[in-house]
Amino acid sequence: MTNSIFDPVACISRERDATRDFIDILRREQAALQQPGASLLLLIANEKAHQAQQLAQLSDARNYWLRKLGYTQDHIGMERGLRDSPAAVGAWEELLQLAETASQLNKINGILVGQRLRYIQQAISVLQTSTHGGQSARLYCSDGQPQPFFGGRQLGEG
């Protein structure tokens, strides 16, 4: 996109639409993080990475346009660039609002990931801790196979 002529209205609208798609992915990620299973998370993570890459490319094209105009690649530069293309102002303002929504959703999802990790770590800790004097008992070998239990009574012992 950086080698072609930048159409601010079309390109900012594409970036806005891609941000909407990203928000949809974040919402699906949030719902998946609140479910007990994790089967969807890998698929969503791959989709999220692909969409983030697309957003980065669209942002790079916009920044290239600003550089070509001699403007800075920040809000001030964008305001100056939009003076030359007032038809793109509405899409830009909507894009800024959507970017804020995406940021908030991403923060919430990060919190949910942290909570899930803590839960998993606590569950592992509980599984590793024996009820016999707080001694650590390995329930599984390093290859993931169950480790035989050598303490206590055997079945059928009285």
N, C-alpha and C. Protein backbone atom coordinates (compact mmCIF):
# COMPACT_ATOMS: atom_id res chain seq x y z
N MET A 1 0.82 -1.19 0.00
CA MET A 1 0.00 0.00 0.00
C MET A 1 0.86 1.25 0.00
N THR A 2 2.07 1.16 0.54
CA THR A 2 2.91 2.35 0.63
C THR A 2 3.43 2.77 -0.73
N ASN A 3 3.44 1.89 -1.74
CA ASN A 3 3.92 2.25 -3.07
C ASN A 3 2.82 2.87 -3.92
N SER A 4 1.57 2.74 -3.52
CA SER A 4 0.47 3.31 -4.28
C SER A 4 0.09 4.67 -3.68
N ILE A 5 -0.79 5.33 -4.38
CA ILE A 5 -1.28 6.62 -3.91
C ILE A 5 -2.20 6.38 -2.73
N PHE A 6 -2.02 7.13 -1.67
CA PHE A 6 -2.80 6.98 -0.46
C PHE A 6 -4.07 7.80 -0.58
N ASP A 7 -5.20 7.16 -0.50
CA ASP A 7 -6.49 7.83 -0.48
C ASP A 7 -6.93 7.86 0.98
N PRO A 8 -6.82 9.01 1.65
CA PRO A 8 -7.12 9.08 3.09
C PRO A 8 -8.50 8.55 3.47
N VAL A 9 -9.52 8.87 2.70
CA VAL A 9 -10.87 8.42 3.04
C VAL A 9 -10.95 6.90 2.98
N ALA A 10 -10.50 6.33 1.88
CA ALA A 10 -10.58 4.87 1.70
C ALA A 10 -9.68 4.14 2.68
N CYS A 11 -8.46 4.63 2.85
CA CYS A 11 -7.50 3.92 3.70
C CYS A 11 -7.84 4.02 5.18
N ILE A 12 -8.26 5.18 5.62
CA ILE A 12 -8.65 5.32 7.04
C ILE A 12 -9.92 4.53 7.29
N SER A 13 -10.81 4.49 6.32
CA SER A 13 -12.03 3.68 6.46
C SER A 13 -11.67 2.20 6.56
N ARG A 14 -10.69 1.74 5.75
CA ARG A 14 -10.23 0.34 5.84
C ARG A 14 -9.63 0.06 7.22
N GLU A 15 -8.85 1.01 7.72
CA GLU A 15 -8.24 0.84 9.05
C GLU A 15 -9.33 0.80 10.13
N ARG A 16 -10.32 1.65 9.99
CA ARG A 16 -11.44 1.65 10.94
C ARG A 16 -12.18 0.32 10.91
N ASP A 17 -12.45 -0.20 9.71
CA ASP A 17 -13.16 -1.48 9.58
C ASP A 17 -12.32 -2.63 10.12
N ALA A 18 -11.02 -2.59 9.89
CA ALA A 18 -10.12 -3.63 10.41
C ALA A 18 -10.09 -3.56 11.94
N THR A 19 -10.19 -2.37 12.49
CA THR A 19 -10.23 -2.22 13.95
C THR A 19 -11.53 -2.79 14.50
N ARG A 20 -12.62 -2.60 13.80
CA ARG A 20 -13.89 -3.22 14.21
C ARG A 20 -13.76 -4.75 14.24
N ASP A 21 -13.12 -5.29 13.18
CA ASP A 21 -12.91 -6.74 13.14
C ASP A 21 -12.03 -7.20 14.31
N PHE A 22 -11.02 -6.40 14.64
CA PHE A 22 -10.14 -6.72 15.75
C PHE A 22 -10.92 -6.74 17.07
N ILE A 23 -11.82 -5.79 17.23
CA ILE A 23 -12.66 -5.73 18.43
C ILE A 23 -13.54 -6.98 18.51
N ASP A 24 -14.07 -7.42 17.39
CA ASP A 24 -14.87 -8.65 17.38
C ASP A 24 -14.04 -9.84 17.86
N ILE A 25 -12.80 -9.91 17.40
CA ILE A 25 -11.90 -10.99 17.83
C ILE A 25 -11.64 -10.89 19.33
N LEU A 26 -11.39 -9.68 19.82
CA LEU A 26 -11.14 -9.49 21.25
C LEU A 26 -12.36 -9.90 22.08
N ARG A 27 -13.54 -9.62 21.60
CA ARG A 27 -14.75 -10.02 22.33
C ARG A 27 -14.91 -11.54 22.34
N ARG A 28 -14.59 -12.18 21.22
CA ARG A 28 -14.65 -13.65 21.19
C ARG A 28 -13.58 -14.25 22.09
N GLU A 29 -12.41 -13.60 22.12
CA GLU A 29 -11.34 -14.05 23.01
C GLU A 29 -11.79 -13.94 24.46
N GLN A 30 -12.43 -12.84 24.79
CA GLN A 30 -12.91 -12.63 26.16
C GLN A 30 -13.92 -13.72 26.54
N ALA A 31 -14.84 -14.02 25.65
CA ALA A 31 -15.83 -15.06 25.93
C ALA A 31 -15.14 -16.42 26.10
N ALA A 32 -14.16 -16.71 25.27
CA ALA A 32 -13.44 -17.99 25.36
C ALA A 32 -12.65 -18.07 26.66
N LEU A 33 -12.10 -16.95 27.11
CA LEU A 33 -11.33 -16.94 28.35
C LEU A 33 -12.23 -17.17 29.57
N GLN A 34 -13.50 -16.91 29.43
CA GLN A 34 -14.43 -17.10 30.54
C GLN A 34 -15.05 -18.49 30.55
N GLN A 35 -14.71 -19.30 29.54
CA GLN A 35 -15.20 -20.67 29.47
C GLN A 35 -14.16 -21.60 30.10
N PRO A 36 -14.60 -22.76 30.61
CA PRO A 36 -13.65 -23.66 31.27
C PRO A 36 -12.62 -24.26 30.32
N GLY A 37 -12.97 -24.54 29.10
CA GLY A 37 -12.02 -25.14 28.16
C GLY A 37 -11.14 -24.10 27.50
N ALA A 38 -10.14 -24.58 26.79
CA ALA A 38 -9.21 -23.66 26.12
C ALA A 38 -9.08 -23.98 24.64
N SER A 39 -9.98 -24.79 24.11
CA SER A 39 -9.83 -25.26 22.74
C SER A 39 -9.89 -24.13 21.71
N LEU A 40 -10.69 -23.12 21.94
CA LEU A 40 -10.81 -22.02 20.97
C LEU A 40 -9.70 -20.99 21.07
N LEU A 41 -9.00 -20.97 22.19
CA LEU A 41 -8.03 -19.89 22.42
C LEU A 41 -6.90 -19.87 21.39
N LEU A 42 -6.40 -21.03 20.98
CA LEU A 42 -5.32 -21.05 19.99
C LEU A 42 -5.79 -20.52 18.65
N LEU A 43 -6.97 -20.93 18.23
CA LEU A 43 -7.52 -20.42 16.96
C LEU A 43 -7.72 -18.91 17.02
N ILE A 44 -8.26 -18.44 18.13
CA ILE A 44 -8.50 -17.01 18.28
C ILE A 44 -7.18 -16.25 18.34
N ALA A 45 -6.18 -16.82 19.02
CA ALA A 45 -4.87 -16.16 19.12
C ALA A 45 -4.24 -16.01 17.73
N ASN A 46 -4.37 -17.03 16.90
CA ASN A 46 -3.83 -16.95 15.54
C ASN A 46 -4.56 -15.90 14.72
N GLU A 47 -5.88 -15.87 14.85
CA GLU A 47 -6.68 -14.88 14.14
C GLU A 47 -6.35 -13.47 14.63
N LYS A 48 -6.16 -13.34 15.93
CA LYS A 48 -5.82 -12.04 16.52
C LYS A 48 -4.47 -11.55 16.01
N ALA A 49 -3.50 -12.46 15.93
CA ALA A 49 -2.16 -12.08 15.43
C ALA A 49 -2.23 -11.64 13.97
N HIS A 50 -3.00 -12.35 13.17
CA HIS A 50 -3.15 -11.99 11.76
C HIS A 50 -3.80 -10.61 11.62
N GLN A 51 -4.84 -10.37 12.41
CA GLN A 51 -5.55 -9.08 12.34
C GLN A 51 -4.65 -7.95 12.84
N ALA A 52 -3.87 -8.21 13.88
CA ALA A 52 -2.94 -7.19 14.38
C ALA A 52 -1.90 -6.84 13.32
N GLN A 53 -1.46 -7.84 12.59
CA GLN A 53 -0.49 -7.58 11.51
C GLN A 53 -1.13 -6.72 10.42
N GLN A 54 -2.38 -7.00 10.08
CA GLN A 54 -3.08 -6.19 9.08
C GLN A 54 -3.23 -4.76 9.57
N LEU A 55 -3.57 -4.58 10.83
CA LEU A 55 -3.69 -3.23 11.39
C LEU A 55 -2.36 -2.49 11.35
N ALA A 56 -1.27 -3.20 11.62
CA ALA A 56 0.05 -2.57 11.57
C ALA A 56 0.38 -2.11 10.15
N GLN A 57 0.03 -2.91 9.16
CA GLN A 57 0.28 -2.53 7.77
C GLN A 57 -0.53 -1.30 7.38
N LEU A 58 -1.77 -1.25 7.81
CA LEU A 58 -2.61 -0.09 7.51
C LEU A 58 -2.08 1.17 8.20
N SER A 59 -1.63 1.02 9.43
CA SER A 59 -1.05 2.14 10.17
C SER A 59 0.25 2.60 9.51
N ASP A 60 1.06 1.64 9.06
CA ASP A 60 2.30 2.00 8.36
C ASP A 60 2.02 2.80 7.11
N ALA A 61 0.98 2.42 6.36
CA ALA A 61 0.63 3.15 5.15
C ALA A 61 0.20 4.58 5.49
N ARG A 62 -0.58 4.72 6.56
CA ARG A 62 -1.01 6.05 6.99
C ARG A 62 0.20 6.89 7.41
N ASN A 63 1.12 6.29 8.15
CA ASN A 63 2.32 7.02 8.58
C ASN A 63 3.21 7.38 7.39
N TYR A 64 3.27 6.53 6.39
CA TYR A 64 4.03 6.82 5.18
C TYR A 64 3.43 8.05 4.49
N TRP A 65 2.11 8.09 4.42
CA TRP A 65 1.41 9.22 3.82
C TRP A 65 1.75 10.51 4.56
N LEU A 66 1.73 10.46 5.89
CA LEU A 66 2.06 11.65 6.68
C LEU A 66 3.51 12.10 6.43
N ARG A 67 4.43 11.14 6.37
CA ARG A 67 5.83 11.49 6.10
C ARG A 67 5.97 12.15 4.73
N LYS A 68 5.26 11.59 3.74
CA LYS A 68 5.34 12.16 2.38
C LYS A 68 4.82 13.60 2.36
N LEU A 69 3.85 13.89 3.20
CA LEU A 69 3.32 15.25 3.29
C LEU A 69 4.20 16.16 4.14
N GLY A 70 5.17 15.56 4.83
CA GLY A 70 6.06 16.34 5.69
C GLY A 70 5.53 16.54 7.10
N TYR A 71 4.56 15.72 7.50
CA TYR A 71 3.96 15.84 8.82
C TYR A 71 4.51 14.78 9.77
N THR A 72 4.38 15.07 11.04
CA THR A 72 4.80 14.09 12.05
C THR A 72 3.79 12.95 12.10
N GLN A 73 4.24 11.82 12.62
CA GLN A 73 3.38 10.63 12.67
C GLN A 73 2.71 10.51 14.03
N ASP A 74 1.99 11.54 14.39
CA ASP A 74 1.28 11.59 15.67
C ASP A 74 -0.05 12.30 15.45
N HIS A 75 -0.74 12.61 16.54
CA HIS A 75 -2.05 13.25 16.41
C HIS A 75 -1.96 14.62 15.74
N ILE A 76 -0.91 15.36 16.04
CA ILE A 76 -0.76 16.69 15.42
C ILE A 76 -0.55 16.55 13.92
N GLY A 77 0.32 15.62 13.53
CA GLY A 77 0.54 15.38 12.11
C GLY A 77 -0.72 14.92 11.40
N MET A 78 -1.49 14.07 12.08
CA MET A 78 -2.73 13.57 11.49
C MET A 78 -3.74 14.70 11.33
N GLU A 79 -3.84 15.58 12.31
CA GLU A 79 -4.74 16.72 12.19
C GLU A 79 -4.36 17.58 10.99
N ARG A 80 -3.07 17.77 10.79
CA ARG A 80 -2.62 18.56 9.64
C ARG A 80 -2.92 17.84 8.33
N GLY A 81 -2.70 16.54 8.32
CA GLY A 81 -3.00 15.76 7.12
C GLY A 81 -4.49 15.77 6.79
N LEU A 82 -5.32 15.75 7.82
CA LEU A 82 -6.76 15.75 7.59
C LEU A 82 -7.28 17.10 7.12
N ARG A 83 -6.52 18.18 7.38
CA ARG A 83 -6.92 19.48 6.83
C ARG A 83 -6.89 19.44 5.31
N ASP A 84 -5.97 18.62 4.79
CA ASP A 84 -5.88 18.46 3.33
C ASP A 84 -6.93 17.48 2.81
N SER A 85 -7.57 16.74 3.70
CA SER A 85 -8.56 15.74 3.32
C SER A 85 -9.69 15.71 4.35
N PRO A 86 -10.51 16.76 4.40
CA PRO A 86 -11.54 16.85 5.44
C PRO A 86 -12.59 15.73 5.37
N ALA A 87 -12.75 15.09 4.23
CA ALA A 87 -13.74 14.02 4.10
C ALA A 87 -13.36 12.80 4.96
N ALA A 88 -12.10 12.70 5.36
CA ALA A 88 -11.64 11.56 6.14
C ALA A 88 -11.77 11.78 7.65
N VAL A 89 -12.17 12.98 8.06
CA VAL A 89 -12.21 13.32 9.49
C VAL A 89 -13.15 12.41 10.27
N GLY A 90 -14.34 12.14 9.75
CA GLY A 90 -15.31 11.30 10.44
C GLY A 90 -14.78 9.89 10.68
N ALA A 91 -14.17 9.31 9.63
CA ALA A 91 -13.61 7.96 9.76
C ALA A 91 -12.46 7.96 10.77
N TRP A 92 -11.65 9.02 10.77
CA TRP A 92 -10.53 9.11 11.71
C TRP A 92 -11.04 9.19 13.15
N GLU A 93 -12.03 10.02 13.40
CA GLU A 93 -12.57 10.15 14.75
C GLU A 93 -13.17 8.83 15.24
N GLU A 94 -13.86 8.14 14.34
CA GLU A 94 -14.42 6.84 14.70
C GLU A 94 -13.30 5.83 14.95
N LEU A 95 -12.25 5.89 14.14
CA LEU A 95 -11.10 5.00 14.33
C LEU A 95 -10.47 5.23 15.71
N LEU A 96 -10.33 6.47 16.12
CA LEU A 96 -9.76 6.76 17.44
C LEU A 96 -10.61 6.17 18.56
N GLN A 97 -11.93 6.29 18.44
CA GLN A 97 -12.83 5.71 19.45
C GLN A 97 -12.73 4.19 19.47
N LEU A 98 -12.68 3.58 18.30
CA LEU A 98 -12.56 2.12 18.21
C LEU A 98 -11.22 1.64 18.78
N ALA A 99 -10.17 2.41 18.53
CA ALA A 99 -8.86 2.04 19.05
C ALA A 99 -8.86 2.06 20.58
N GLU A 100 -9.56 3.01 21.16
CA GLU A 100 -9.68 3.07 22.62
C GLU A 100 -10.47 1.86 23.15
N THR A 101 -11.54 1.51 22.46
CA THR A 101 -12.32 0.32 22.84
C THR A 101 -11.46 -0.93 22.76
N ALA A 102 -10.71 -1.07 21.68
CA ALA A 102 -9.83 -2.23 21.51
C ALA A 102 -8.79 -2.29 22.62
N SER A 103 -8.24 -1.15 22.98
CA SER A 103 -7.25 -1.10 24.05
C SER A 103 -7.84 -1.56 25.38
N GLN A 104 -9.04 -1.09 25.69
CA GLN A 104 -9.71 -1.48 26.94
C GLN A 104 -10.02 -2.97 26.95
N LEU A 105 -10.53 -3.49 25.84
CA LEU A 105 -10.83 -4.93 25.76
C LEU A 105 -9.56 -5.76 25.92
N ASN A 106 -8.49 -5.30 25.30
CA ASN A 106 -7.22 -6.03 25.38
C ASN A 106 -6.70 -6.06 26.82
N LYS A 107 -6.87 -4.95 27.55
CA LYS A 107 -6.47 -4.92 28.96
C LYS A 107 -7.30 -5.90 29.78
N ILE A 108 -8.60 -5.91 29.55
CA ILE A 108 -9.48 -6.84 30.27
C ILE A 108 -9.08 -8.28 29.97
N ASN A 109 -8.81 -8.56 28.70
CA ASN A 109 -8.41 -9.93 28.33
C ASN A 109 -7.09 -10.30 28.99
N GLY A 110 -6.19 -9.36 29.11
CA GLY A 110 -4.93 -9.62 29.81
C GLY A 110 -5.17 -9.98 31.27
N ILE A 111 -6.11 -9.29 31.89
CA ILE A 111 -6.47 -9.60 33.29
C ILE A 111 -7.05 -11.01 33.37
N LEU A 112 -7.92 -11.35 32.42
CA LEU A 112 -8.52 -12.69 32.41
C LEU A 112 -7.47 -13.77 32.20
N VAL A 113 -6.50 -13.51 31.35
CA VAL A 113 -5.41 -14.47 31.14
C VAL A 113 -4.63 -14.65 32.43
N GLY A 114 -4.34 -13.55 33.12
CA GLY A 114 -3.62 -13.62 34.40
C GLY A 114 -4.40 -14.42 35.44
N GLN A 115 -5.71 -14.20 35.50
CA GLN A 115 -6.54 -14.95 36.45
C GLN A 115 -6.54 -16.43 36.12
N ARG A 116 -6.62 -16.75 34.85
CA ARG A 116 -6.63 -18.15 34.43
C ARG A 116 -5.29 -18.81 34.76
N LEU A 117 -4.21 -18.11 34.53
CA LEU A 117 -2.88 -18.65 34.87
C LEU A 117 -2.74 -18.90 36.36
N ARG A 118 -3.22 -17.96 37.17
CA ARG A 118 -3.16 -18.15 38.62
C ARG A 118 -3.98 -19.37 39.05
N TYR A 119 -5.15 -19.53 38.45
CA TYR A 119 -6.00 -20.67 38.76
C TYR A 119 -5.29 -21.98 38.41
N ILE A 120 -4.69 -22.01 37.23
CA ILE A 120 -3.97 -23.22 36.79
C ILE A 120 -2.79 -23.49 37.71
N GLN A 121 -2.05 -22.45 38.08
CA GLN A 121 -0.91 -22.63 38.98
C GLN A 121 -1.37 -23.14 40.34
N GLN A 122 -2.49 -22.63 40.83
CA GLN A 122 -3.02 -23.11 42.12
C GLN A 122 -3.46 -24.57 42.01
N ALA A 123 -4.08 -24.91 40.90
CA ALA A 123 -4.52 -26.30 40.71
C ALA A 123 -3.32 -27.24 40.66
N ILE A 124 -2.27 -26.84 39.99
CA ILE A 124 -1.05 -27.65 39.92
C ILE A 124 -0.45 -27.80 41.31
N SER A 125 -0.44 -26.70 42.04
CA SER A 125 0.11 -26.73 43.40
C SER A 125 -0.67 -27.70 44.27
N VAL A 126 -1.99 -27.67 44.16
CA VAL A 126 -2.83 -28.57 44.94
C VAL A 126 -2.54 -30.02 44.55
N LEU A 127 -2.41 -30.26 43.26
CA LEU A 127 -2.14 -31.63 42.81
C LEU A 127 -0.78 -32.13 43.27
N GLN A 128 0.18 -31.22 43.38
CA GLN A 128 1.52 -31.61 43.76
C GLN A 128 1.69 -31.75 45.27
N THR A 129 0.81 -31.19 46.03
CA THR A 129 0.93 -31.22 47.49
C THR A 129 0.18 -32.43 48.05
N SER A 130 0.88 -33.19 48.83
CA SER A 130 0.28 -34.37 49.44
C SER A 130 -0.50 -33.97 50.68
N THR A 131 -1.49 -34.77 51.04
CA THR A 131 -2.22 -34.52 52.28
C THR A 131 -1.47 -35.09 53.47
N HIS A 132 -0.34 -35.74 53.22
CA HIS A 132 0.46 -36.34 54.30
C HIS A 132 1.54 -35.37 54.75
N GLY A 133 1.21 -34.53 55.70
CA GLY A 133 2.20 -33.64 56.31
C GLY A 133 2.72 -32.55 55.39
N GLY A 134 2.00 -32.24 54.31
CA GLY A 134 2.43 -31.16 53.43
C GLY A 134 3.61 -31.54 52.56
N GLN A 135 3.99 -32.82 52.53
CA GLN A 135 5.10 -33.25 51.69
C GLN A 135 4.66 -33.20 50.23
N SER A 136 5.58 -32.85 49.40
CA SER A 136 5.27 -32.78 47.98
C SER A 136 5.31 -34.18 47.39
N ALA A 137 4.26 -34.56 46.74
CA ALA A 137 4.21 -35.87 46.10
C ALA A 137 4.10 -35.67 44.59
N ARG A 138 4.96 -36.34 43.87
CA ARG A 138 4.89 -36.24 42.42
C ARG A 138 3.85 -37.23 41.93
N LEU A 139 2.80 -36.72 41.35
CA LEU A 139 1.74 -37.58 40.86
C LEU A 139 2.04 -38.09 39.46
N TYR A 140 2.90 -37.35 38.72
CA TYR A 140 3.21 -37.71 37.35
C TYR A 140 4.72 -37.66 37.15
N CYS A 141 5.23 -38.55 36.34
CA CYS A 141 6.64 -38.54 35.98
C CYS A 141 6.87 -37.44 34.95
N SER A 142 8.12 -37.19 34.62
CA SER A 142 8.44 -36.12 33.67
C SER A 142 7.90 -36.41 32.27
N ASP A 143 7.62 -37.70 31.97
CA ASP A 143 7.05 -38.02 30.67
C ASP A 143 5.53 -37.94 30.65
N GLY A 144 4.92 -37.51 31.77
CA GLY A 144 3.48 -37.33 31.84
C GLY A 144 2.72 -38.56 32.28
N GLN A 145 3.41 -39.66 32.51
CA GLN A 145 2.76 -40.89 32.95
C GLN A 145 2.55 -40.86 34.46
N PRO A 146 1.48 -41.48 34.95
CA PRO A 146 1.24 -41.50 36.40
C PRO A 146 2.40 -42.19 37.12
N GLN A 147 2.79 -41.61 38.23
CA GLN A 147 3.86 -42.20 39.05
C GLN A 147 3.20 -43.09 40.09
N PRO A 148 3.74 -44.29 40.27
CA PRO A 148 3.15 -45.18 41.28
C PRO A 148 3.24 -44.55 42.67
N PHE A 149 2.23 -44.80 43.49
CA PHE A 149 2.19 -44.29 44.85
C PHE A 149 2.74 -45.36 45.77
N PHE A 150 3.77 -45.00 46.54
CA PHE A 150 4.44 -45.99 47.39
C PHE A 150 4.16 -45.79 48.87
N GLY A 151 3.31 -44.86 49.24
CA GLY A 151 3.04 -44.63 50.65
C GLY A 151 1.66 -45.13 51.02
N GLY A 152 1.38 -45.20 52.30
CA GLY A 152 0.06 -45.56 52.76
C GLY A 152 -0.23 -47.04 52.66
N ARG A 153 -1.46 -47.38 52.69
CA ARG A 153 -1.87 -48.78 52.66
C ARG A 153 -2.23 -49.22 51.25
N GLN A 154 -2.08 -50.48 50.98
CA GLN A 154 -2.49 -51.06 49.71
C GLN A 154 -3.97 -51.36 49.79
N LEU A 155 -4.61 -51.45 48.67
CA LEU A 155 -6.01 -51.82 48.64
C LEU A 155 -6.19 -53.20 49.27
N GLY A 156 -7.17 -53.37 50.06
CA GLY A 156 -7.47 -54.64 50.67
C GLY A 156 -6.79 -54.83 52.01
N GLU A 157 -5.87 -53.89 52.37
CA GLU A 157 -5.22 -53.99 53.69
C GLU A 157 -6.19 -53.48 54.73
N GLY A 158 -6.16 -54.05 55.85
CA GLY A 158 -7.07 -53.68 56.92
C GLY A 158 -6.48 -52.82 57.88
